[in-house]
């Protein structure tokens, strides 16, 4: 006596395959974000170094960091021991070095630039960021974000 008819066996196999593909299909592991509110509580919006205003990807905040001293100025304008500590605090890196070496007081840059922001072809934004940064020659100047590839 047969328990299943041939078509029933095929239906069971088809349902098993469907369940496998629906449940085991890779999900987007790192969704795009603008800030930490776009990510889960255990994640933060990781951006490329110096790209504090642009798009990033949600990444898991580190739970343990090494003690290597390599100070970074993070996008929250705080100095951290290293990149890992900045990421654990939910911030990406603005620049290598302590913030007092990277950031300048606004008065050293003079009046704020009245340049409009613009949308880049990849969906990010270009234009003034409102940060007064130390330049390579030691002077201070307003940061202007360029579109990627320009």
C-alpha atoms as a PDB file:
ATOM      1  CA  UNK A   1       0.000   0.000   0.000  1.00  0.00           C
ATOM      2  CA  UNK A   2       1.402   3.406  -1.035  1.00  0.00           C
ATOM      3  CA  UNK A   3       1.184   6.273   1.418  1.00  0.00           C
ATOM      4  CA  UNK A   4       1.715   9.041  -1.142  1.00  0.00           C
ATOM      5  CA  UNK A   5       0.760   9.350  -4.753  1.00  0.00           C
ATOM      6  CA  UNK A   6       3.606  10.492  -7.076  1.00  0.00           C
ATOM      7  CA  UNK A   7       2.187  14.013  -7.466  1.00  0.00           C
ATOM      8  CA  UNK A   8       1.972  14.381  -3.677  1.00  0.00           C
ATOM      9  CA  UNK A   9       5.676  13.599  -3.342  1.00  0.00           C
ATOM     10  CA  UNK A  10       6.474  16.266  -5.975  1.00  0.00           C
ATOM     11  CA  UNK A  11       4.295  18.793  -4.156  1.00  0.00           C
ATOM     12  CA  UNK A  12       6.119  18.127  -0.879  1.00  0.00           C
ATOM     13  CA  UNK A  13       9.507  18.541  -2.600  1.00  0.00           C
ATOM     14  CA  UNK A  14       8.339  21.770  -4.273  1.00  0.00           C
ATOM     15  CA  UNK A  15       7.121  23.174  -0.933  1.00  0.00           C
ATOM     16  CA  UNK A  16      10.386  22.214   0.751  1.00  0.00           C
ATOM     17  CA  UNK A  17      12.414  23.975  -1.970  1.00  0.00           C
ATOM     18  CA  UNK A  18      10.188  27.046  -1.776  1.00  0.00           C
ATOM     19  CA  UNK A  19      10.600  27.210   2.007  1.00  0.00           C
ATOM     20  CA  UNK A  20      14.363  26.804   1.655  1.00  0.00           C
ATOM     21  CA  UNK A  21      14.669  29.673  -0.826  1.00  0.00           C
ATOM     22  CA  UNK A  22      12.365  31.962   1.153  1.00  0.00           C
ATOM     23  CA  UNK A  23      13.997  31.302   4.509  1.00  0.00           C
ATOM     24  CA  UNK A  24      17.601  30.693   3.503  1.00  0.00           C
ATOM     25  CA  UNK A  25      17.907  33.316   0.780  1.00  0.00           C
ATOM     26  CA  UNK A  26      20.562  35.866   1.667  1.00  0.00           C
ATOM     27  CA  UNK A  27      19.109  39.029   3.106  1.00  0.00           C
ATOM     28  CA  UNK A  28      20.656  42.430   2.646  1.00  0.00           C
ATOM     29  CA  UNK A  29      23.235  42.292   5.446  1.00  0.00           C
ATOM     30  CA  UNK A  30      24.224  45.956   5.304  1.00  0.00           C
ATOM     31  CA  UNK A  31      21.335  48.225   4.313  1.00  0.00           C
ATOM     32  CA  UNK A  32      22.180  51.778   3.188  1.00  0.00           C
ATOM     33  CA  UNK A  33      21.778  54.607   5.691  1.00  0.00           C
ATOM     34  CA  UNK A  34      22.181  58.351   6.203  1.00  0.00           C
ATOM     35  CA  UNK A  35      22.475  58.266  10.003  1.00  0.00           C
ATOM     36  CA  UNK A  36      22.216  55.834  12.920  1.00  0.00           C
ATOM     37  CA  UNK A  37      18.424  56.130  13.086  1.00  0.00           C
ATOM     38  CA  UNK A  38      18.289  54.146   9.815  1.00  0.00           C
ATOM     39  CA  UNK A  39      19.998  51.161  11.523  1.00  0.00           C
ATOM     40  CA  UNK A  40      19.063  48.750  14.303  1.00  0.00           C
ATOM     41  CA  UNK A  41      20.055  49.488  17.914  1.00  0.00           C
ATOM     42  CA  UNK A  42      23.146  47.237  17.710  1.00  0.00           C
ATOM     43  CA  UNK A  43      24.311  48.823  14.449  1.00  0.00           C
ATOM     44  CA  UNK A  44      25.606  52.214  13.354  1.00  0.00           C
ATOM     45  CA  UNK A  45      25.803  54.004  10.003  1.00  0.00           C
ATOM     46  CA  UNK A  46      29.370  53.302   8.831  1.00  0.00           C
ATOM     47  CA  UNK A  47      30.640  55.794   6.255  1.00  0.00           C
ATOM     48  CA  UNK A  48      33.901  56.132   4.383  1.00  0.00           C
ATOM     49  CA  UNK A  49      36.521  58.187   6.229  1.00  0.00           C
ATOM     50  CA  UNK A  50      35.768  61.884   5.834  1.00  0.00           C
ATOM     51  CA  UNK A  51      32.260  61.241   4.490  1.00  0.00           C
ATOM     52  CA  UNK A  52      30.264  62.335   7.526  1.00  0.00           C
ATOM     53  CA  UNK A  53      27.381  63.852   5.560  1.00  0.00           C
ATOM     54  CA  UNK A  54      26.902  61.176   2.887  1.00  0.00           C
ATOM     55  CA  UNK A  55      25.492  57.676   2.581  1.00  0.00           C
ATOM     56  CA  UNK A  56      26.832  54.710   4.512  1.00  0.00           C
ATOM     57  CA  UNK A  57      25.969  51.117   5.340  1.00  0.00           C
ATOM     58  CA  UNK A  58      24.554  49.781   8.612  1.00  0.00           C
ATOM     59  CA  UNK A  59      27.312  47.806  10.356  1.00  0.00           C
ATOM     60  CA  UNK A  60      27.439  46.106  13.750  1.00  0.00           C
ATOM     61  CA  UNK A  61      29.004  48.222  16.506  1.00  0.00           C
ATOM     62  CA  UNK A  62      32.158  46.568  17.862  1.00  0.00           C
ATOM     63  CA  UNK A  63      31.800  45.200  21.392  1.00  0.00           C
ATOM     64  CA  UNK A  64      35.523  44.847  22.129  1.00  0.00           C
ATOM     65  CA  UNK A  65      38.332  47.129  20.927  1.00  0.00           C
ATOM     66  CA  UNK A  66      42.102  46.849  21.208  1.00  0.00           C
ATOM     67  CA  UNK A  67      44.111  49.452  23.097  1.00  0.00           C
ATOM     68  CA  UNK A  68      46.277  50.513  20.140  1.00  0.00           C
ATOM     69  CA  UNK A  69      46.633  54.286  20.327  1.00  0.00           C
ATOM     70  CA  UNK A  70      45.904  55.697  16.883  1.00  0.00           C
ATOM     71  CA  UNK A  71      43.661  58.716  17.583  1.00  0.00           C
ATOM     72  CA  UNK A  72      40.895  59.653  15.184  1.00  0.00           C
ATOM     73  CA  UNK A  73      38.558  62.604  14.979  1.00  0.00           C
ATOM     74  CA  UNK A  74      35.089  61.168  14.512  1.00  0.00           C
ATOM     75  CA  UNK A  75      32.059  62.621  12.758  1.00  0.00           C
ATOM     76  CA  UNK A  76      30.618  63.581  16.175  1.00  0.00           C
ATOM     77  CA  UNK A  77      33.661  65.908  16.566  1.00  0.00           C
ATOM     78  CA  UNK A  78      35.040  63.767  19.410  1.00  0.00           C
ATOM     79  CA  UNK A  79      38.537  62.274  19.581  1.00  0.00           C
ATOM     80  CA  UNK A  80      38.687  58.493  20.102  1.00  0.00           C
ATOM     81  CA  UNK A  81      41.619  56.214  20.936  1.00  0.00           C
ATOM     82  CA  UNK A  82      41.218  54.467  17.563  1.00  0.00           C
ATOM     83  CA  UNK A  83      38.695  53.702  14.816  1.00  0.00           C
ATOM     84  CA  UNK A  84      37.191  50.811  16.776  1.00  0.00           C
ATOM     85  CA  UNK A  85      36.279  53.060  19.732  1.00  0.00           C
ATOM     86  CA  UNK A  86      34.685  55.611  17.381  1.00  0.00           C
ATOM     87  CA  UNK A  87      32.651  52.865  15.709  1.00  0.00           C
ATOM     88  CA  UNK A  88      31.637  51.416  19.098  1.00  0.00           C
ATOM     89  CA  UNK A  89      30.306  54.886  20.003  1.00  0.00           C
ATOM     90  CA  UNK A  90      28.302  54.863  16.749  1.00  0.00           C
ATOM     91  CA  UNK A  91      30.457  57.305  14.820  1.00  0.00           C
ATOM     92  CA  UNK A  92      32.445  57.110  11.600  1.00  0.00           C
ATOM     93  CA  UNK A  93      35.852  58.739  11.153  1.00  0.00           C
ATOM     94  CA  UNK A  94      36.182  62.328   9.931  1.00  0.00           C
ATOM     95  CA  UNK A  95      40.005  62.268   9.847  1.00  0.00           C
ATOM     96  CA  UNK A  96      43.069  60.613  11.347  1.00  0.00           C
ATOM     97  CA  UNK A  97      44.419  62.458  14.389  1.00  0.00           C
ATOM     98  CA  UNK A  98      42.901  64.187  17.382  1.00  0.00           C
ATOM     99  CA  UNK A  99      40.071  66.618  16.687  1.00  0.00           C
ATOM    100  CA  UNK A 100      42.041  69.586  18.060  1.00  0.00           C
ATOM    101  CA  UNK A 101      44.609  68.864  15.323  1.00  0.00           C
ATOM    102  CA  UNK A 102      41.964  68.510  12.597  1.00  0.00           C
ATOM    103  CA  UNK A 103      39.194  70.964  13.454  1.00  0.00           C
ATOM    104  CA  UNK A 104      39.618  74.735  13.562  1.00  0.00           C
ATOM    105  CA  UNK A 105      37.459  77.266  15.421  1.00  0.00           C
ATOM    106  CA  UNK A 106      34.851  78.686  13.034  1.00  0.00           C
ATOM    107  CA  UNK A 107      36.232  82.215  13.443  1.00  0.00           C
ATOM    108  CA  UNK A 108      39.525  81.071  11.865  1.00  0.00           C
ATOM    109  CA  UNK A 109      37.657  80.226   8.646  1.00  0.00           C
ATOM    110  CA  UNK A 110      35.857  83.558   8.484  1.00  0.00           C
ATOM    111  CA  UNK A 111      32.234  84.054   7.438  1.00  0.00           C
ATOM    112  CA  UNK A 112      30.373  80.902   6.434  1.00  0.00           C
ATOM    113  CA  UNK A 113      30.301  80.233   2.715  1.00  0.00           C
ATOM    114  CA  UNK A 114      27.023  80.973   0.996  1.00  0.00           C
ATOM    115  CA  UNK A 115      27.381  78.181  -1.538  1.00  0.00           C
ATOM    116  CA  UNK A 116      24.305  76.035  -2.188  1.00  0.00           C
ATOM    117  CA  UNK A 117      24.502  72.267  -1.808  1.00  0.00           C
ATOM    118  CA  UNK A 118      23.963  70.075  -4.859  1.00  0.00           C
ATOM    119  CA  UNK A 119      22.943  66.491  -5.499  1.00  0.00           C
ATOM    120  CA  UNK A 120      25.583  64.213  -7.001  1.00  0.00           C
ATOM    121  CA  UNK A 121      24.811  61.641  -9.711  1.00  0.00           C
ATOM    122  CA  UNK A 122      25.119  58.807  -7.162  1.00  0.00           C
ATOM    123  CA  UNK A 123      22.496  60.382  -4.848  1.00  0.00           C
ATOM    124  CA  UNK A 124      24.912  61.877  -2.292  1.00  0.00           C
ATOM    125  CA  UNK A 125      25.239  65.617  -1.682  1.00  0.00           C
ATOM    126  CA  UNK A 126      28.055  68.018  -2.417  1.00  0.00           C
ATOM    127  CA  UNK A 127      28.758  71.475  -1.078  1.00  0.00           C
ATOM    128  CA  UNK A 128      29.740  73.071   2.230  1.00  0.00           C
ATOM    129  CA  UNK A 129      29.529  70.840   5.301  1.00  0.00           C
ATOM    130  CA  UNK A 130      29.739  73.580   7.936  1.00  0.00           C
ATOM    131  CA  UNK A 131      33.063  72.278   9.268  1.00  0.00           C
ATOM    132  CA  UNK A 132      36.134  74.478   9.560  1.00  0.00           C
ATOM    133  CA  UNK A 133      39.097  72.129   8.980  1.00  0.00           C
ATOM    134  CA  UNK A 134      42.858  72.451   9.171  1.00  0.00           C
ATOM    135  CA  UNK A 135      44.361  72.274   5.669  1.00  0.00           C
ATOM    136  CA  UNK A 136      47.585  70.486   4.726  1.00  0.00           C
ATOM    137  CA  UNK A 137      49.511  73.797   4.888  1.00  0.00           C
ATOM    138  CA  UNK A 138      48.270  74.444   8.462  1.00  0.00           C
ATOM    139  CA  UNK A 139      45.744  77.129   7.540  1.00  0.00           C
ATOM    140  CA  UNK A 140      42.015  76.718   8.174  1.00  0.00           C
ATOM    141  CA  UNK A 141      39.278  76.573   5.578  1.00  0.00           C
ATOM    142  CA  UNK A 142      35.666  75.535   5.153  1.00  0.00           C
ATOM    143  CA  UNK A 143      35.187  71.925   4.111  1.00  0.00           C
ATOM    144  CA  UNK A 144      33.539  71.557   0.687  1.00  0.00           C
ATOM    145  CA  UNK A 145      32.300  68.067  -0.128  1.00  0.00           C
ATOM    146  CA  UNK A 146      32.826  67.159  -3.783  1.00  0.00           C
ATOM    147  CA  UNK A 147      30.862  64.491  -5.635  1.00  0.00           C
ATOM    148  CA  UNK A 148      32.640  61.116  -5.830  1.00  0.00           C
ATOM    149  CA  UNK A 149      34.886  60.935  -8.887  1.00  0.00           C
ATOM    150  CA  UNK A 150      35.280  64.712  -9.239  1.00  0.00           C
END
